[in-house]
Amino acid sequence: MDTRTVLAFSAGTCIGAGACWWAVRHGLPSKRTTEYGSGCRPPLPPLPHPGEGPFDFSKFEEDEVVAEHLTRNVQFFGLPSQKRIAESFVVVVGLGGVGSHAAHLLLRSGVGRLRLVDFDQVSLSSLNRHCNATRADVGMPKAECLAAYFRQVMPEAQIEAVRAMYTEETEEHILAGNPDFVLDAIDNIDTKVALLVACRARGIPVLASAGAGAKADPTRLRIVDVAESVADPLARAVRHRLRREHGIADGVPVLLSTEKPRVGLIFGGEEGASPLDYQVVPNFRIRTIPVLGTMPALFGMAAASWILCQLAGKPFVPEPVFTIEVKQYQTQLHRLEDREHARFGTSAGVQVDLQEVEALVREYWRGRSARQAVGSNDKGLGRSIGHLALTRWDAGRPASPGNLVLLTQEEADAHDALAQGSQGSVHDALALQSLRAREPAFCVRVEAVLGRVRAQFGC
């Protein structure tokens, strides 16, 4: 091969590589070329005010680029549920490691409107856990840093950056506009409690994130009711304050890790200096928490999953935080068989095995009587169920997973007695009707759980 041939081949290779780079960088022509003259949507003005965005997310499937972006989500949730997500408005308060990753995944998953709230700036020390910040962003407000990046990911979304701390004075602005969900990713107890109380008062669904610092085990993440949040120091303090100062004992989901902190707080000031000299914001902690950057990211993604499933109308039941010894499940199965034999003369109607009993008791009935209020006996990571018993909800149906309710043994005896009826028939269909009339809220709650069981077990 002569020199001219080699040069021509090399030149052709360079031109071809350049053409490929241009095609990838600028996008191949599409139907949008008739509207914009290229395959890319022109950038929107930075930080638009809510309501001024030009894109209608209620019809996102009609836009080929957005529809393709959300293809996998639509396949997962279905189009109606993904539309609910797309038309939702979520407020994320606190844009550190947890909040930035959560907001990022909410955006990529199609939430059409986000309000990003944080008073702080990007620092060098936060780069180990922030979802997108670079050294060039150091000193930039966190909210604006995220908003600028988000505009490149989903330019159709309405992104509002709010550089402010959550206080009584800023509450109205931060929670204005009837948000569909709020993520509390604040690490200060006073501010965190105030936000949760405000969301509760306004009827806004909220998820509180506990501490991601000083931890490393990704298998320990759980989402629990605040009544059960005793495994994490920050969550435990919030639980105490909500209950003592505001009368809120349950009903607030909390994302936490059951892992014990591996290291303690660190003061980074000069030796002999007063920590108070380094306090930038009143009432905020002075010492820092060592953070493995992976953990805030995992917290943020877990929070985004929870919120997305809630918005889609397809919530999941999280793994319980407590543990129960295997022998207690064996006792429950034997107790159920004994009750069946005493009532019907045989235990042949029992259609559950040990593994199914474990799932029912732990995951669906959460180790407590269906009549017990959440949090009334939820202390520690262990739980005793020796006083409980599974029994048929509807005496006329077999003892299958979708027809077993967990009650105290006394409550189970009373429930079984209802089914005897005035004629002594255990198949008296009027028993449940009478119970529904007397205790409608209780029956709705029980039958909602049984509905989830039936959907999961196919029974």
Protein backbone atom coordinates (compact mmCIF):
# COMPACT_ATOMS: atom_id res chain seq x y z
CA MET A 1 0.00 0.00 0.00
CA ASP A 2 1.61 3.29 -1.13
CA THR A 3 1.83 6.52 0.87
CA ARG A 4 -1.05 8.24 -0.96
CA THR A 5 -3.38 5.32 -0.26
CA VAL A 6 -2.47 5.37 3.42
CA LEU A 7 -3.06 9.11 3.64
CA ALA A 8 -6.41 8.83 1.85
CA PHE A 9 -7.50 6.01 4.14
CA SER A 10 -6.46 7.96 7.23
CA ALA A 11 -8.28 11.07 6.05
CA GLY A 12 -11.42 9.06 5.39
CA THR A 13 -11.26 7.52 8.83
CA CYS A 14 -10.94 10.93 10.46
CA ILE A 15 -13.85 12.35 8.44
CA GLY A 16 -16.02 9.33 9.28
CA ALA A 17 -15.19 9.58 12.98
CA GLY A 18 -15.97 13.27 12.92
CA ALA A 19 -19.32 12.62 11.25
CA CYS A 20 -20.21 10.00 13.87
CA TRP A 21 -19.27 12.40 16.66
CA TRP A 22 -21.44 15.13 15.12
CA ALA A 23 -24.40 12.78 14.77
CA VAL A 24 -24.16 11.66 18.39
CA ARG A 25 -23.54 15.17 19.69
CA HIS A 26 -26.33 16.88 17.77
CA GLY A 27 -28.81 14.07 17.22
CA LEU A 28 -30.11 12.66 13.96
CA PRO A 29 -33.01 14.39 12.24
CA SER A 30 -36.49 13.51 13.51
CA LYS A 31 -40.06 14.69 13.13
CA ARG A 32 -39.12 17.66 15.28
CA THR A 33 -37.02 19.09 12.41
CA THR A 34 -40.20 20.47 10.92
CA GLU A 35 -40.84 22.40 14.14
CA TYR A 36 -37.38 23.43 15.26
CA GLY A 37 -35.12 22.73 12.29
CA SER A 38 -33.08 20.14 14.26
CA GLY A 39 -33.54 17.02 16.36
CA CYS A 40 -33.08 18.89 19.66
CA ARG A 41 -35.58 20.92 21.60
CA PRO A 42 -34.26 24.47 22.16
CA PRO A 43 -33.30 25.19 25.78
CA LEU A 44 -35.94 26.75 27.98
CA PRO A 45 -35.18 29.93 29.93
CA PRO A 46 -33.58 29.14 33.29
CA LEU A 47 -35.71 28.72 36.41
CA PRO A 48 -39.19 29.38 34.97
CA HIS A 49 -41.96 30.29 37.37
CA PRO A 50 -44.57 27.58 38.04
CA GLY A 51 -47.33 27.55 35.49
CA GLU A 52 -45.28 29.17 32.72
CA GLY A 53 -43.77 25.97 31.37
CA PRO A 54 -44.72 25.35 27.75
CA PHE A 55 -45.02 21.56 27.94
CA ASP A 56 -48.26 19.73 28.76
CA PHE A 57 -47.26 16.62 30.67
CA SER A 58 -50.83 15.32 30.62
CA LYS A 59 -50.18 14.50 26.94
CA PHE A 60 -46.53 13.55 27.16
CA GLU A 61 -47.13 10.39 25.11
CA GLU A 62 -47.84 12.60 22.07
CA ASP A 63 -44.29 13.96 22.11
CA GLU A 64 -41.90 11.44 20.56
CA VAL A 65 -38.84 12.49 22.56
CA VAL A 66 -40.51 12.59 26.00
CA ALA A 67 -42.49 9.43 25.22
CA GLU A 68 -39.29 7.60 24.34
CA HIS A 69 -37.56 8.97 27.45
CA LEU A 70 -40.32 7.50 29.64
CA THR A 71 -40.80 4.24 27.73
CA ARG A 72 -39.47 1.98 30.46
CA ASN A 73 -41.51 3.76 33.13
CA VAL A 74 -44.69 3.34 31.09
CA GLN A 75 -43.89 -0.34 30.65
CA PHE A 76 -43.44 -0.65 34.41
CA PHE A 77 -46.35 1.43 35.71
CA GLY A 78 -48.70 1.54 32.73
CA LEU A 79 -49.65 4.74 30.89
CA PRO A 80 -52.42 5.95 33.28
CA SER A 81 -50.13 5.66 36.31
CA GLN A 82 -47.19 7.27 34.53
CA LYS A 83 -49.46 10.16 33.59
CA ARG A 84 -50.25 10.63 37.27
CA ILE A 85 -46.52 10.88 37.92
CA ALA A 86 -46.01 13.27 35.02
CA GLU A 87 -48.74 15.60 36.23
CA SER A 88 -47.45 15.59 39.83
CA PHE A 89 -45.80 18.41 41.75
CA VAL A 90 -43.12 17.39 44.27
CA VAL A 91 -41.21 19.61 46.69
CA VAL A 92 -37.76 18.45 47.82
CA VAL A 93 -36.47 20.28 50.90
CA GLY A 94 -32.77 19.71 51.51
CA LEU A 95 -30.52 19.15 48.48
CA GLY A 96 -27.49 17.45 49.95
CA GLY A 97 -26.60 13.86 49.17
CA VAL A 98 -30.05 12.42 49.88
CA GLY A 99 -32.18 15.21 48.42
CA SER A 100 -30.13 15.73 45.27
CA HIS A 101 -30.19 12.04 44.31
CA ALA A 102 -33.90 11.74 45.09
CA ALA A 103 -34.79 14.83 43.04
CA HIS A 104 -32.60 13.58 40.19
CA LEU A 105 -34.43 10.24 39.95
CA LEU A 106 -37.83 11.90 40.33
CA LEU A 107 -36.99 14.09 37.35
CA ARG A 108 -35.64 11.25 35.21
CA SER A 109 -38.75 9.22 36.06
CA GLY A 110 -41.03 11.91 34.68
CA VAL A 111 -42.26 14.08 37.56
CA GLY A 112 -43.41 17.14 35.64
CA ARG A 113 -42.91 19.79 38.29
CA LEU A 114 -40.24 20.03 40.97
CA ARG A 115 -39.53 22.68 43.57
CA LEU A 116 -35.95 22.41 44.86
CA VAL A 117 -35.34 24.03 48.24
CA ASP A 118 -32.03 24.60 50.04
CA PHE A 119 -30.33 27.62 51.60
CA ASP A 120 -26.81 26.24 51.26
CA GLN A 121 -24.11 26.29 48.59
CA VAL A 122 -22.11 23.52 46.97
CA SER A 123 -18.87 22.93 48.89
CA LEU A 124 -15.79 20.90 48.09
CA SER A 125 -16.57 18.50 50.93
CA SER A 126 -20.04 17.80 49.52
CA LEU A 127 -18.73 16.56 46.16
CA ASN A 128 -18.30 13.03 47.52
CA ARG A 129 -22.07 12.59 47.74
CA HIS A 130 -23.84 15.18 45.55
CA CYS A 131 -25.57 13.75 42.50
CA ASN A 132 -24.16 16.10 39.83
CA ALA A 133 -22.07 18.96 41.28
CA THR A 134 -18.51 19.43 40.04
CA ARG A 135 -15.63 21.57 41.27
CA ALA A 136 -16.78 24.28 38.90
CA ASP A 137 -20.03 24.45 40.90
CA VAL A 138 -18.40 25.06 44.28
CA GLY A 139 -19.93 28.20 45.78
CA MET A 140 -23.06 27.93 43.65
CA PRO A 141 -26.42 27.60 45.46
CA LYS A 142 -27.37 23.91 45.57
CA ALA A 143 -30.87 24.60 44.28
CA GLU A 144 -29.59 26.48 41.23
CA CYS A 145 -26.86 23.91 40.59
CA LEU A 146 -29.46 21.14 40.40
CA ALA A 147 -31.90 23.21 38.36
CA ALA A 148 -29.29 24.03 35.73
CA TYR A 149 -28.39 20.35 35.35
CA PHE A 150 -32.02 19.20 35.40
CA ARG A 151 -32.75 21.50 32.48
CA GLN A 152 -30.40 19.43 30.36
CA VAL A 153 -31.93 16.13 31.46
CA MET A 154 -35.61 17.03 31.09
CA PRO A 155 -36.02 20.52 29.56
CA GLU A 156 -39.79 20.06 29.43
CA ALA A 157 -40.14 19.88 33.22
CA GLN A 158 -40.99 22.89 35.37
CA ILE A 159 -38.10 23.35 37.77
CA GLU A 160 -38.24 25.98 40.49
CA ALA A 161 -35.11 26.68 42.53
CA VAL A 162 -35.72 28.18 45.96
CA ARG A 163 -32.65 29.37 47.84
CA ALA A 164 -34.09 29.50 51.34
CA MET A 165 -34.15 27.70 54.65
CA TYR A 166 -37.45 26.20 55.74
CA THR A 167 -38.83 28.41 58.54
CA GLU A 168 -42.22 29.65 59.67
CA GLU A 169 -41.62 32.72 57.51
CA THR A 170 -40.82 30.72 54.36
CA GLU A 171 -43.37 27.95 54.93
CA GLU A 172 -46.08 29.51 52.80
CA HIS A 173 -43.77 30.02 49.84
CA ILE A 174 -42.13 26.60 50.05
CA LEU A 175 -45.38 24.64 50.43
CA ALA A 176 -47.52 26.85 48.17
CA GLY A 177 -49.27 25.47 45.12
CA ASN A 178 -50.77 22.29 46.61
CA PRO A 179 -47.83 19.89 46.21
CA ASP A 180 -48.68 16.26 45.65
CA PHE A 181 -45.73 15.15 47.77
CA VAL A 182 -42.94 16.56 49.91
CA LEU A 183 -39.58 14.94 50.58
CA ASP A 184 -37.98 16.03 53.85
CA ALA A 185 -34.22 15.60 53.39
CA ILE A 186 -33.28 18.02 56.17
CA ASP A 187 -30.69 16.98 58.75
CA ASN A 188 -31.60 19.53 61.43
CA ILE A 189 -34.11 18.32 64.03
CA ASP A 190 -35.93 21.61 64.67
CA THR A 191 -36.43 22.36 60.98
CA LYS A 192 -37.31 18.77 60.20
CA VAL A 193 -40.01 18.59 62.85
CA ALA A 194 -41.48 21.94 61.76
CA LEU A 195 -41.73 20.79 58.13
CA LEU A 196 -43.36 17.47 59.04
CA VAL A 197 -45.89 19.21 61.29
CA ALA A 198 -46.74 21.70 58.53
CA CYS A 199 -47.22 18.94 55.96
CA ARG A 200 -49.43 17.02 58.36
CA ALA A 201 -51.54 20.14 59.04
CA ARG A 202 -51.91 20.84 55.31
CA GLY A 203 -52.68 17.23 54.42
CA ILE A 204 -49.63 16.94 52.14
CA PRO A 205 -48.11 13.46 51.88
CA VAL A 206 -44.52 13.55 53.12
CA LEU A 207 -41.58 11.18 53.48
CA ALA A 208 -38.94 11.98 56.10
CA SER A 209 -35.38 10.84 55.54
CA ALA A 210 -33.35 9.99 58.63
CA GLY A 211 -29.56 10.05 58.86
CA ALA A 212 -27.43 8.56 56.08
CA GLY A 213 -24.13 9.61 57.65
CA ALA A 214 -21.71 7.33 59.51
CA LYS A 215 -23.26 4.22 57.91
CA ALA A 216 -22.24 1.84 55.12
CA ASP A 217 -24.58 -1.19 54.89
CA PRO A 218 -27.08 -0.80 52.03
CA THR A 219 -29.07 -3.85 53.15
CA ARG A 220 -30.24 -2.10 56.33
CA LEU A 221 -32.45 0.55 54.69
CA ARG A 222 -36.11 0.45 55.72
CA ILE A 223 -39.19 2.63 55.36
CA VAL A 224 -41.22 2.52 58.56
CA ASP A 225 -43.92 4.49 60.32
CA VAL A 226 -42.52 7.14 62.60
CA ALA A 227 -43.98 5.14 65.50
CA GLU A 228 -41.46 2.37 64.70
CA SER A 229 -38.49 4.65 64.04
CA VAL A 230 -36.44 3.82 67.13
CA ALA A 231 -33.46 2.32 65.28
CA ASP A 232 -31.99 5.63 64.07
CA PRO A 233 -30.84 8.47 66.40
CA LEU A 234 -32.20 11.31 64.23
CA ALA A 235 -35.49 9.52 63.59
CA ARG A 236 -35.82 8.68 67.27
CA ALA A 237 -35.40 12.34 68.23
CA VAL A 238 -37.96 13.41 65.61
CA ARG A 239 -40.38 10.74 66.83
CA HIS A 240 -40.06 12.02 70.39
CA ARG A 241 -40.59 15.65 69.42
CA LEU A 242 -43.58 14.92 67.18
CA ARG A 243 -45.28 12.89 69.88
CA ARG A 244 -44.45 15.16 72.84
CA GLU A 245 -44.87 18.61 71.30
CA HIS A 246 -47.42 18.06 68.54
CA GLY A 247 -49.40 14.95 69.44
CA ILE A 248 -48.32 13.15 66.27
CA ALA A 249 -47.67 9.53 67.19
CA ASP A 250 -47.89 7.84 63.79
CA GLY A 251 -48.83 8.31 60.15
CA VAL A 252 -45.50 9.77 58.97
CA PRO A 253 -43.31 7.40 56.91
CA VAL A 254 -39.60 7.55 57.68
CA LEU A 255 -36.70 6.27 55.59
CA LEU A 256 -33.91 5.04 57.86
CA SER A 257 -31.08 2.58 58.29
CA THR A 258 -31.08 0.12 61.16
CA GLU A 259 -27.27 0.05 61.12
CA LYS A 260 -25.59 1.56 64.16
CA PRO A 261 -23.38 4.57 63.35
CA ARG A 262 -19.80 3.46 62.73
CA VAL A 263 -18.20 6.76 63.72
CA GLY A 264 -19.15 9.79 65.79
CA LEU A 265 -19.45 13.51 65.13
CA ILE A 266 -16.28 15.40 64.32
CA PHE A 267 -15.35 19.02 65.05
CA GLY A 268 -13.19 20.35 62.22
CA GLY A 269 -12.14 23.64 63.81
CA GLU A 270 -8.77 24.60 65.19
CA GLU A 271 -7.57 22.97 68.38
CA GLY A 272 -8.78 24.85 71.44
CA ALA A 273 -11.33 26.88 69.46
CA SER A 274 -14.94 27.18 70.61
CA PRO A 275 -17.33 25.20 68.37
CA LEU A 276 -19.84 28.06 68.62
CA ASP A 277 -17.41 30.26 66.71
CA TYR A 278 -17.98 28.02 63.69
CA GLN A 279 -21.78 28.01 63.79
CA VAL A 280 -22.95 29.68 60.57
CA VAL A 281 -26.68 29.13 61.14
CA PRO A 282 -28.29 29.37 64.62
CA ASN A 283 -29.49 26.05 66.10
CA PHE A 284 -27.73 24.00 63.42
CA ARG A 285 -25.17 21.42 64.42
CA ILE A 286 -21.55 22.54 64.62
CA ARG A 287 -19.84 19.17 64.37
CA THR A 288 -19.98 17.23 61.13
CA ILE A 289 -20.97 13.64 60.44
CA PRO A 290 -18.51 11.55 58.42
CA VAL A 291 -20.30 10.34 55.30
CA LEU A 292 -19.60 7.48 52.91
CA GLY A 293 -20.95 8.96 49.68
CA THR A 294 -22.74 5.81 48.57
CA MET A 295 -25.21 5.88 51.45
CA PRO A 296 -26.90 9.25 50.76
CA ALA A 297 -27.26 8.16 47.13
CA LEU A 298 -28.98 4.94 48.19
CA PHE A 299 -31.23 6.85 50.58
CA GLY A 300 -32.16 9.25 47.78
CA MET A 301 -32.98 6.48 45.34
CA ALA A 302 -35.04 4.63 47.94
CA ALA A 303 -36.95 7.83 48.67
CA ALA A 304 -37.59 8.40 44.97
CA SER A 305 -38.90 4.84 44.57
CA TRP A 306 -41.31 5.30 47.47
CA ILE A 307 -42.60 8.63 46.17
CA LEU A 308 -42.96 7.45 42.57
CA CYS A 309 -44.97 4.39 43.59
CA GLN A 310 -47.19 6.54 45.80
CA LEU A 311 -47.78 9.05 43.00
CA ALA A 312 -48.52 6.24 40.55
CA GLY A 313 -51.16 4.81 42.84
CA LYS A 314 -49.15 1.60 43.14
CA PRO A 315 -47.57 1.73 46.61
CA PHE A 316 -45.47 -1.11 47.97
CA VAL A 317 -45.47 -2.55 51.49
CA PRO A 318 -41.93 -2.11 52.85
CA GLU A 319 -39.99 -4.78 54.69
CA PRO A 320 -40.64 -4.49 58.46
CA VAL A 321 -37.88 -3.16 60.65
CA PHE A 322 -38.44 -5.63 63.49
CA THR A 323 -37.50 -9.30 63.76
CA ILE A 324 -39.45 -12.29 65.03
CA GLU A 325 -37.95 -15.65 65.98
CA VAL A 326 -38.78 -18.57 63.66
CA LYS A 327 -40.22 -20.66 66.50
CA GLN A 328 -42.90 -17.99 67.01
CA TYR A 329 -44.12 -18.54 63.45
CA GLN A 330 -44.24 -22.28 64.09
CA THR A 331 -46.34 -21.59 67.17
CA GLN A 332 -48.71 -19.48 65.09
CA LEU A 333 -49.19 -22.24 62.53
CA HIS A 334 -49.84 -24.84 65.23
CA ARG A 335 -52.22 -22.48 66.99
CA LEU A 336 -54.17 -21.92 63.76
CA GLU A 337 -54.43 -25.69 63.19
CA ASP A 338 -55.66 -26.18 66.78
CA ARG A 339 -58.30 -23.46 66.39
CA GLU A 340 -59.51 -24.96 63.13
CA HIS A 341 -59.78 -28.42 64.67
CA ALA A 342 -61.67 -27.05 67.68
CA ARG A 343 -64.16 -25.16 65.48
CA PHE A 344 -64.62 -27.54 62.56
CA GLY A 345 -63.40 -30.91 63.85
CA THR A 346 -60.50 -30.90 61.37
CA SER A 347 -57.56 -28.78 60.33
CA ALA A 348 -57.89 -29.76 56.68
CA GLY A 349 -59.14 -26.28 55.87
CA VAL A 350 -55.76 -24.72 56.68
CA GLN A 351 -54.29 -23.65 53.35
CA VAL A 352 -51.07 -21.99 54.53
CA ASP A 353 -47.58 -23.28 55.28
CA LEU A 354 -44.87 -21.93 57.60
CA GLN A 355 -43.43 -19.52 55.03
CA GLU A 356 -46.86 -18.08 54.28
CA VAL A 357 -47.58 -17.67 57.99
CA GLU A 358 -44.31 -15.74 58.31
CA ALA A 359 -45.27 -13.43 55.43
CA LEU A 360 -48.76 -12.84 56.82
CA VAL A 361 -47.67 -12.16 60.39
CA ARG A 362 -44.58 -10.06 59.63
CA GLU A 363 -45.17 -8.28 56.33
CA TYR A 364 -48.93 -7.82 56.18
CA TRP A 365 -50.08 -7.66 59.82
CA ARG A 366 -46.75 -6.18 60.95
CA GLY A 367 -46.54 -8.40 64.04
CA ARG A 368 -49.49 -6.77 65.78
CA SER A 369 -53.21 -7.31 66.22
CA ALA A 370 -55.35 -5.82 63.49
CA ARG A 371 -57.08 -3.88 66.28
CA GLN A 372 -53.87 -2.46 67.74
CA ALA A 373 -52.95 1.13 67.03
CA VAL A 374 -49.64 1.64 65.25
CA GLY A 375 -46.90 2.52 67.69
CA SER A 376 -48.69 1.43 70.87
CA ASN A 377 -46.16 -1.36 71.44
CA ASP A 378 -43.53 -0.77 68.78
CA LYS A 379 -40.30 -0.44 70.69
CA GLY A 380 -36.99 -2.00 69.74
CA LEU A 381 -36.14 -4.29 66.84
CA GLY A 382 -37.59 -7.47 68.33
CA ARG A 383 -41.25 -8.33 68.72
CA SER A 384 -43.16 -11.04 70.58
CA ILE A 385 -46.32 -12.44 69.03
CA GLY A 386 -47.06 -15.08 71.66
CA HIS A 387 -50.36 -13.41 72.57
CA LEU A 388 -51.62 -13.34 68.97
CA ALA A 389 -53.50 -15.81 66.78
CA LEU A 390 -54.50 -16.11 63.14
CA THR A 391 -58.16 -16.84 62.52
CA ARG A 392 -60.62 -16.78 59.64
CA TRP A 393 -61.99 -13.34 58.77
CA ASP A 394 -64.96 -14.91 56.94
CA ALA A 395 -65.95 -18.18 58.59
CA GLY A 396 -67.57 -19.37 55.37
CA ARG A 397 -64.29 -19.31 53.47
CA PRO A 398 -61.25 -21.55 53.99
CA ALA A 399 -58.24 -20.57 56.08
CA SER A 400 -56.25 -19.35 53.09
CA PRO A 401 -53.77 -16.44 53.12
CA GLY A 402 -56.38 -13.98 51.90
CA ASN A 403 -58.85 -14.89 54.66
CA LEU A 404 -56.69 -14.86 57.80
CA VAL A 405 -56.60 -11.94 60.22
CA LEU A 406 -54.15 -11.56 63.11
CA LEU A 407 -55.73 -10.73 66.48
CA THR A 408 -55.01 -11.30 70.13
CA GLN A 409 -56.27 -14.69 71.24
CA GLU A 410 -59.12 -13.07 73.16
CA GLU A 411 -60.06 -10.93 70.12
CA ALA A 412 -59.88 -13.99 67.88
CA ASP A 413 -62.24 -15.90 70.21
CA ALA A 414 -64.69 -12.99 70.15
CA HIS A 415 -64.47 -12.75 66.36
CA ASP A 416 -65.09 -16.46 65.94
CA ALA A 417 -68.08 -16.25 68.27
CA LEU A 418 -69.71 -13.69 65.94
CA ALA A 419 -69.79 -16.26 63.18
CA GLN A 420 -71.83 -18.75 65.19
CA GLY A 421 -75.00 -16.83 64.36
CA SER A 422 -78.34 -17.17 65.97
CA GLN A 423 -78.83 -20.56 64.29
CA GLY A 424 -75.45 -21.89 65.47
CA SER A 425 -74.19 -22.01 61.87
CA VAL A 426 -70.53 -21.14 61.34
CA HIS A 427 -71.45 -20.07 57.81
CA ASP A 428 -73.75 -17.29 58.90
CA ALA A 429 -73.06 -14.62 56.26
CA LEU A 430 -74.81 -12.00 58.36
CA ALA A 431 -71.96 -12.02 60.89
CA LEU A 432 -69.57 -9.98 58.72
CA GLN A 433 -72.34 -7.68 57.57
CA SER A 434 -73.18 -6.94 61.18
CA LEU A 435 -69.52 -6.29 62.01
CA ARG A 436 -69.14 -3.94 59.04
CA ALA A 437 -72.16 -1.98 60.21
CA ARG A 438 -70.84 -1.66 63.78
CA GLU A 439 -67.16 -1.05 63.00
CA PRO A 440 -66.83 0.19 59.43
CA ALA A 441 -63.37 1.74 59.81
CA PHE A 442 -61.92 -1.41 61.32
CA CYS A 443 -63.42 -3.61 58.61
CA VAL A 444 -62.19 -1.35 55.82
CA ARG A 445 -58.68 -1.47 57.25
CA VAL A 446 -58.68 -5.26 57.60
CA GLU A 447 -60.17 -5.89 54.18
CA ALA A 448 -57.67 -3.55 52.56
CA VAL A 449 -54.85 -5.71 53.95
CA LEU A 450 -56.61 -8.89 52.88
CA GLY A 451 -57.04 -7.40 49.41
CA ARG A 452 -53.27 -6.89 49.13
CA VAL A 453 -52.69 -10.45 50.32
CA ARG A 454 -55.06 -11.87 47.72
CA ALA A 455 -53.43 -9.86 44.96
CA GLN A 456 -49.98 -11.07 46.01
CA PHE A 457 -50.90 -14.72 46.63
CA GLY A 458 -53.48 -15.02 43.85
CA CYS A 459 -56.12 -16.39 46.20
